[in-house]
Protein backbone atom coordinates (compact mmCIF):
# COMPACT_ATOMS: atom_id res chain seq x y z
CA THR A 1 0.00 0.00 0.00
CA LYS A 2 0.96 3.69 -0.01
CA VAL A 3 2.41 3.66 3.47
CA LYS A 4 4.55 0.63 2.70
CA GLU A 5 5.70 2.14 -0.62
CA HIS A 6 6.60 5.39 1.15
CA TYR A 7 8.42 3.42 3.86
CA ASP A 8 10.32 1.36 1.24
CA ARG A 9 11.36 4.48 -0.68
CA SER A 10 12.52 6.13 2.52
CA LEU A 11 14.42 3.02 3.50
CA ASP A 12 16.06 2.83 0.05
CA ARG A 13 17.12 6.49 0.30
CA ALA A 14 18.52 5.91 3.77
CA LEU A 15 20.46 2.84 2.58
CA ARG A 16 21.86 4.74 -0.43
CA SER A 17 22.84 7.61 1.84
CA GLU A 18 24.57 5.25 4.26
CA HIS A 19 26.37 3.52 1.38
CA GLU A 20 27.55 6.90 0.04
CA ASN A 21 28.66 7.85 3.56
CA VAL A 22 30.69 4.65 3.90
CA GLN A 23 32.29 5.20 0.50
CA MET A 24 33.13 8.80 1.34
CA ARG A 25 34.70 7.83 4.65
CA SER A 26 36.72 5.16 2.87
CA GLU A 27 37.93 7.68 0.28
CA LEU A 28 38.81 10.19 3.00
CA LYS A 29 40.80 7.57 4.88
CA ALA A 30 42.65 6.59 1.69
CA MET A 31 43.44 10.27 1.03
CA GLU A 32 44.73 10.70 4.57
CA LEU A 33 47.00 7.67 4.17
CA ARG A 34 48.29 8.94 0.80
CA LYS A 35 48.90 12.38 2.27
CA GLY A 36 50.78 10.81 5.20
CA ARG A 37 52.99 8.82 2.84
CA GLU A 38 53.63 11.90 0.70
CA VAL A 39 54.56 13.94 3.77
CA GLU A 40 56.95 11.22 4.93
CA THR A 41 58.52 11.03 1.47
CA ALA A 42 58.94 14.80 1.33
CA ARG A 43 60.40 14.83 4.84
CA ALA A 44 62.89 12.08 3.96
CA GLU A 45 63.91 13.91 0.78
CA ALA A 46 64.38 17.16 2.70
CA ILE A 47 66.50 15.42 5.33
CA ALA A 48 68.64 13.77 2.63
CA THR A 49 69.09 17.08 0.81
CA ALA A 50 70.00 18.85 4.04
CA ALA A 51 72.50 16.14 4.95
CA THR A 52 74.13 16.38 1.53
CA PHE A 53 74.27 20.15 1.79
CA ARG A 54 75.76 19.96 5.29
CA GLY A 55 78.35 17.48 4.08
CA ASP A 56 79.30 19.74 1.16
CA VAL A 57 79.56 22.77 3.44
CA GLN A 58 81.69 20.84 5.92
CA GLN A 59 84.04 19.71 3.15
CA ARG A 60 84.36 23.26 1.84
CA LEU A 61 84.96 24.55 5.35
CA ALA A 62 87.66 21.93 5.94
CA LYS A 63 89.39 22.86 2.67
CA GLN A 64 89.22 26.58 3.41
CA THR A 65 90.49 26.02 6.95
CA ALA A 66 93.40 23.97 5.63
CA ARG A 67 94.20 26.67 3.05
CA ALA A 68 94.06 29.37 5.74
CA GLU A 69 96.32 27.38 8.04
CA GLU A 70 98.78 26.78 5.19
CA ALA A 71 98.76 30.48 4.29
CA GLU A 72 99.38 31.44 7.94
CA LYS A 73 102.22 28.92 8.13
CA GLU A 74 103.79 30.31 4.95
CA ARG A 75 103.38 33.86 6.26
CA ASP A 76 105.02 32.94 9.57
CA GLU A 77 107.89 31.20 7.75
CA ALA A 78 108.38 34.23 5.51
CA ARG A 79 108.61 36.49 8.56
CA ALA A 80 111.19 34.29 10.23
């Protein structure tokens, strides 16, 4: 009858809505996981880049320090 038809339509709409809600929550969770992985990847890349840069700077500093020490030594020898 009309009441049952109305009830069935309402129930169908509620079930579709719940199904859409479940799908949306699943998609949101997948997006959160992807975002987390992307953030971790970006963080790891940044750390690797920073480490490389630090290593390069330390090597350049060591070379410049050695050159400065050699120049000071030569200067002191020339004065003597």
